[in-house]
């Protein structure tokens, strides 16, 4: 019982860089990005939570099934997904927040788009695996000249 309590306290107090789950959740996100760049239903299903809420930078909100459908039917084709910044925090046991910016290039419903995105994502430990639970993003306006 003491070990469990100490482990719990450690997860609440240690910096994200030292968190024991950091490598696992980062690897899960790497798998998610790879699945979005080369989508298959199996790869996406393995990393997305059944309760996914994915709010795109254009305001559209997808469920897990809607996101998988758009990625696998070719409606949304991502060709670039490059992080500028990706930070994790662990606010509670079994939860990880991921925030930062990335550069994206995609063709959505035949319309090419390229932008820098600011985002907040939520990861949840589900049955021993990190699953992508929520995403909220917005476009970063170009720097004023």
C-alpha atoms as a PDB file:
ATOM      1  CA  UNK A   1       0.000   0.000   0.000  1.00  0.00           C
ATOM      2  CA  UNK A   2       2.848   2.394   0.829  1.00  0.00           C
ATOM      3  CA  UNK A   3       4.460   1.731  -2.584  1.00  0.00           C
ATOM      4  CA  UNK A   4       1.202   2.507  -4.332  1.00  0.00           C
ATOM      5  CA  UNK A   5       0.794   5.734  -2.378  1.00  0.00           C
ATOM      6  CA  UNK A   6       4.379   6.778  -3.121  1.00  0.00           C
ATOM      7  CA  UNK A   7       3.957   5.982  -6.819  1.00  0.00           C
ATOM      8  CA  UNK A   8       0.755   8.020  -6.884  1.00  0.00           C
ATOM      9  CA  UNK A   9       2.415  10.984  -5.162  1.00  0.00           C
ATOM     10  CA  UNK A  10       5.377  10.761  -7.550  1.00  0.00           C
ATOM     11  CA  UNK A  11       3.083  10.998 -10.583  1.00  0.00           C
ATOM     12  CA  UNK A  12       1.498  14.132  -9.139  1.00  0.00           C
ATOM     13  CA  UNK A  13       4.717  15.896  -8.255  1.00  0.00           C
ATOM     14  CA  UNK A  14       7.364  14.942 -10.791  1.00  0.00           C
ATOM     15  CA  UNK A  15       8.066  17.121 -13.831  1.00  0.00           C
ATOM     16  CA  UNK A  16       6.704  15.757 -17.114  1.00  0.00           C
ATOM     17  CA  UNK A  17      10.271  15.094 -18.312  1.00  0.00           C
ATOM     18  CA  UNK A  18      10.639  12.589 -15.451  1.00  0.00           C
ATOM     19  CA  UNK A  19       7.131  11.133 -15.486  1.00  0.00           C
ATOM     20  CA  UNK A  20       7.214   7.331 -15.749  1.00  0.00           C
ATOM     21  CA  UNK A  21       4.527   7.343 -18.496  1.00  0.00           C
ATOM     22  CA  UNK A  22       6.102  10.037 -20.688  1.00  0.00           C
ATOM     23  CA  UNK A  23       7.832   7.645 -23.106  1.00  0.00           C
ATOM     24  CA  UNK A  24       4.677   5.522 -23.507  1.00  0.00           C
ATOM     25  CA  UNK A  25       2.326   8.426 -24.195  1.00  0.00           C
ATOM     26  CA  UNK A  26       4.840  10.051 -26.583  1.00  0.00           C
ATOM     27  CA  UNK A  27       5.143   6.735 -28.443  1.00  0.00           C
ATOM     28  CA  UNK A  28       1.339   6.515 -28.633  1.00  0.00           C
ATOM     29  CA  UNK A  29       1.251   9.992 -30.154  1.00  0.00           C
ATOM     30  CA  UNK A  30       3.988   9.058 -32.628  1.00  0.00           C
ATOM     31  CA  UNK A  31       1.820   6.082 -33.644  1.00  0.00           C
ATOM     32  CA  UNK A  32      -1.206   8.383 -34.017  1.00  0.00           C
ATOM     33  CA  UNK A  33       0.685  10.771 -36.286  1.00  0.00           C
ATOM     34  CA  UNK A  34       2.003   7.863 -38.374  1.00  0.00           C
ATOM     35  CA  UNK A  35      -1.559   6.521 -38.650  1.00  0.00           C
ATOM     36  CA  UNK A  36      -2.843   9.894 -39.828  1.00  0.00           C
ATOM     37  CA  UNK A  37      -0.122  10.136 -42.495  1.00  0.00           C
ATOM     38  CA  UNK A  38      -0.658   6.551 -43.723  1.00  0.00           C
ATOM     39  CA  UNK A  39      -4.123   5.706 -42.445  1.00  0.00           C
ATOM     40  CA  UNK A  40      -5.620   2.283 -42.009  1.00  0.00           C
ATOM     41  CA  UNK A  41      -8.638   1.478 -39.889  1.00  0.00           C
ATOM     42  CA  UNK A  42      -6.574  -0.920 -37.748  1.00  0.00           C
ATOM     43  CA  UNK A  43      -3.814   1.620 -36.977  1.00  0.00           C
ATOM     44  CA  UNK A  44      -6.308   4.369 -36.171  1.00  0.00           C
ATOM     45  CA  UNK A  45      -8.546   2.116 -34.108  1.00  0.00           C
ATOM     46  CA  UNK A  46      -5.542   1.032 -32.031  1.00  0.00           C
ATOM     47  CA  UNK A  47      -4.725   4.563 -30.873  1.00  0.00           C
ATOM     48  CA  UNK A  48      -8.054   6.458 -30.842  1.00  0.00           C
ATOM     49  CA  UNK A  49     -10.390   6.309 -27.859  1.00  0.00           C
ATOM     50  CA  UNK A  50     -13.967   5.192 -28.546  1.00  0.00           C
ATOM     51  CA  UNK A  51     -15.012   8.489 -26.944  1.00  0.00           C
ATOM     52  CA  UNK A  52     -12.813  10.669 -29.179  1.00  0.00           C
ATOM     53  CA  UNK A  53     -13.830  14.299 -29.716  1.00  0.00           C
ATOM     54  CA  UNK A  54     -11.653  15.791 -32.478  1.00  0.00           C
ATOM     55  CA  UNK A  55     -12.184  19.524 -33.060  1.00  0.00           C
ATOM     56  CA  UNK A  56     -10.384  20.568 -36.252  1.00  0.00           C
ATOM     57  CA  UNK A  57      -8.880  24.037 -36.715  1.00  0.00           C
ATOM     58  CA  UNK A  58     -11.782  24.900 -39.069  1.00  0.00           C
ATOM     59  CA  UNK A  59     -14.337  24.229 -36.327  1.00  0.00           C
ATOM     60  CA  UNK A  60     -15.535  20.851 -37.599  1.00  0.00           C
ATOM     61  CA  UNK A  61     -15.890  18.271 -34.831  1.00  0.00           C
ATOM     62  CA  UNK A  62     -15.457  14.553 -35.500  1.00  0.00           C
ATOM     63  CA  UNK A  63     -16.121  11.415 -33.523  1.00  0.00           C
ATOM     64  CA  UNK A  64     -13.744   8.477 -33.754  1.00  0.00           C
ATOM     65  CA  UNK A  65     -15.767   6.898 -36.553  1.00  0.00           C
ATOM     66  CA  UNK A  66     -16.077  10.140 -38.540  1.00  0.00           C
ATOM     67  CA  UNK A  67     -12.338  10.826 -38.279  1.00  0.00           C
ATOM     68  CA  UNK A  68     -11.426   7.291 -39.318  1.00  0.00           C
ATOM     69  CA  UNK A  69     -13.836   7.495 -42.254  1.00  0.00           C
ATOM     70  CA  UNK A  70     -12.421  10.801 -43.533  1.00  0.00           C
ATOM     71  CA  UNK A  71      -8.848   9.542 -43.265  1.00  0.00           C
ATOM     72  CA  UNK A  72      -9.435   6.129 -44.834  1.00  0.00           C
ATOM     73  CA  UNK A  73     -11.775   7.218 -47.647  1.00  0.00           C
ATOM     74  CA  UNK A  74      -9.362   9.909 -48.845  1.00  0.00           C
ATOM     75  CA  UNK A  75     -11.495  12.902 -47.854  1.00  0.00           C
ATOM     76  CA  UNK A  76      -8.581  14.104 -45.722  1.00  0.00           C
ATOM     77  CA  UNK A  77      -5.025  13.382 -46.862  1.00  0.00           C
ATOM     78  CA  UNK A  78      -2.203  14.554 -44.609  1.00  0.00           C
ATOM     79  CA  UNK A  79       1.253  14.810 -46.166  1.00  0.00           C
ATOM     80  CA  UNK A  80       3.050  16.794 -43.448  1.00  0.00           C
ATOM     81  CA  UNK A  81       2.635  16.747 -39.676  1.00  0.00           C
ATOM     82  CA  UNK A  82       5.762  18.253 -38.105  1.00  0.00           C
ATOM     83  CA  UNK A  83       5.863  19.337 -34.481  1.00  0.00           C
ATOM     84  CA  UNK A  84       7.447  22.669 -33.595  1.00  0.00           C
ATOM     85  CA  UNK A  85       6.572  22.055 -29.965  1.00  0.00           C
ATOM     86  CA  UNK A  86       5.028  19.132 -28.090  1.00  0.00           C
ATOM     87  CA  UNK A  87       4.789  19.284 -24.294  1.00  0.00           C
ATOM     88  CA  UNK A  88       3.149  16.799 -21.964  1.00  0.00           C
ATOM     89  CA  UNK A  89       1.761  17.317 -18.484  1.00  0.00           C
ATOM     90  CA  UNK A  90       0.145  14.743 -16.229  1.00  0.00           C
ATOM     91  CA  UNK A  91      -2.633  16.425 -14.218  1.00  0.00           C
ATOM     92  CA  UNK A  92      -4.079  13.205 -12.766  1.00  0.00           C
ATOM     93  CA  UNK A  93      -3.342   9.479 -12.798  1.00  0.00           C
ATOM     94  CA  UNK A  94      -4.211   8.003 -16.189  1.00  0.00           C
ATOM     95  CA  UNK A  95      -4.466  11.388 -17.933  1.00  0.00           C
ATOM     96  CA  UNK A  96      -1.946  13.274 -20.028  1.00  0.00           C
ATOM     97  CA  UNK A  97      -2.331  16.669 -21.635  1.00  0.00           C
ATOM     98  CA  UNK A  98      -0.315  17.447 -24.750  1.00  0.00           C
ATOM     99  CA  UNK A  99       0.048  21.002 -26.036  1.00  0.00           C
ATOM    100  CA  UNK A 100       2.122  22.870 -28.575  1.00  0.00           C
ATOM    101  CA  UNK A 101       2.324  23.758 -32.254  1.00  0.00           C
ATOM    102  CA  UNK A 102       2.863  21.891 -35.484  1.00  0.00           C
ATOM    103  CA  UNK A 103       3.075  22.511 -39.206  1.00  0.00           C
ATOM    104  CA  UNK A 104       0.552  20.634 -41.293  1.00  0.00           C
ATOM    105  CA  UNK A 105      -0.021  20.120 -44.983  1.00  0.00           C
ATOM    106  CA  UNK A 106      -3.167  18.378 -46.157  1.00  0.00           C
ATOM    107  CA  UNK A 107      -5.769  18.102 -48.858  1.00  0.00           C
ATOM    108  CA  UNK A 108      -9.267  18.129 -47.376  1.00  0.00           C
ATOM    109  CA  UNK A 109     -12.178  17.413 -49.697  1.00  0.00           C
ATOM    110  CA  UNK A 110      -9.996  18.401 -52.651  1.00  0.00           C
ATOM    111  CA  UNK A 111      -8.799  21.680 -51.119  1.00  0.00           C
ATOM    112  CA  UNK A 112      -5.069  21.952 -50.348  1.00  0.00           C
ATOM    113  CA  UNK A 113      -4.155  23.569 -47.048  1.00  0.00           C
ATOM    114  CA  UNK A 114      -0.926  24.335 -45.263  1.00  0.00           C
ATOM    115  CA  UNK A 115      -0.685  26.078 -41.913  1.00  0.00           C
ATOM    116  CA  UNK A 116       0.736  26.199 -38.439  1.00  0.00           C
ATOM    117  CA  UNK A 117      -1.619  24.878 -35.789  1.00  0.00           C
ATOM    118  CA  UNK A 118      -1.772  25.424 -32.039  1.00  0.00           C
ATOM    119  CA  UNK A 119      -3.369  22.518 -30.182  1.00  0.00           C
ATOM    120  CA  UNK A 120      -4.383  20.920 -26.911  1.00  0.00           C
ATOM    121  CA  UNK A 121      -4.865  17.165 -26.759  1.00  0.00           C
ATOM    122  CA  UNK A 122      -5.973  14.787 -24.038  1.00  0.00           C
ATOM    123  CA  UNK A 123      -4.665  11.258 -23.690  1.00  0.00           C
ATOM    124  CA  UNK A 124      -6.259   8.715 -21.342  1.00  0.00           C
ATOM    125  CA  UNK A 125      -4.952   5.391 -20.127  1.00  0.00           C
ATOM    126  CA  UNK A 126      -7.603   2.857 -21.201  1.00  0.00           C
ATOM    127  CA  UNK A 127      -7.135  -0.810 -20.337  1.00  0.00           C
ATOM    128  CA  UNK A 128      -3.387  -0.291 -19.982  1.00  0.00           C
ATOM    129  CA  UNK A 129      -2.906   1.602 -23.276  1.00  0.00           C
ATOM    130  CA  UNK A 130      -2.731   5.329 -23.945  1.00  0.00           C
ATOM    131  CA  UNK A 131      -5.646   6.381 -26.150  1.00  0.00           C
ATOM    132  CA  UNK A 132      -6.216   9.703 -27.904  1.00  0.00           C
ATOM    133  CA  UNK A 133      -9.337  11.116 -26.228  1.00  0.00           C
ATOM    134  CA  UNK A 134      -9.675  14.753 -27.313  1.00  0.00           C
ATOM    135  CA  UNK A 135      -8.180  17.332 -29.661  1.00  0.00           C
ATOM    136  CA  UNK A 136      -8.816  21.064 -29.934  1.00  0.00           C
ATOM    137  CA  UNK A 137      -6.851  23.144 -32.424  1.00  0.00           C
ATOM    138  CA  UNK A 138      -6.726  26.516 -34.114  1.00  0.00           C
ATOM    139  CA  UNK A 139      -4.729  28.032 -36.944  1.00  0.00           C
ATOM    140  CA  UNK A 140      -1.892  30.343 -35.982  1.00  0.00           C
ATOM    141  CA  UNK A 141      -2.166  33.530 -38.028  1.00  0.00           C
ATOM    142  CA  UNK A 142       0.904  34.464 -40.080  1.00  0.00           C
ATOM    143  CA  UNK A 143       3.295  36.883 -38.419  1.00  0.00           C
ATOM    144  CA  UNK A 144       2.577  40.535 -39.170  1.00  0.00           C
ATOM    145  CA  UNK A 145       5.060  42.076 -41.584  1.00  0.00           C
END
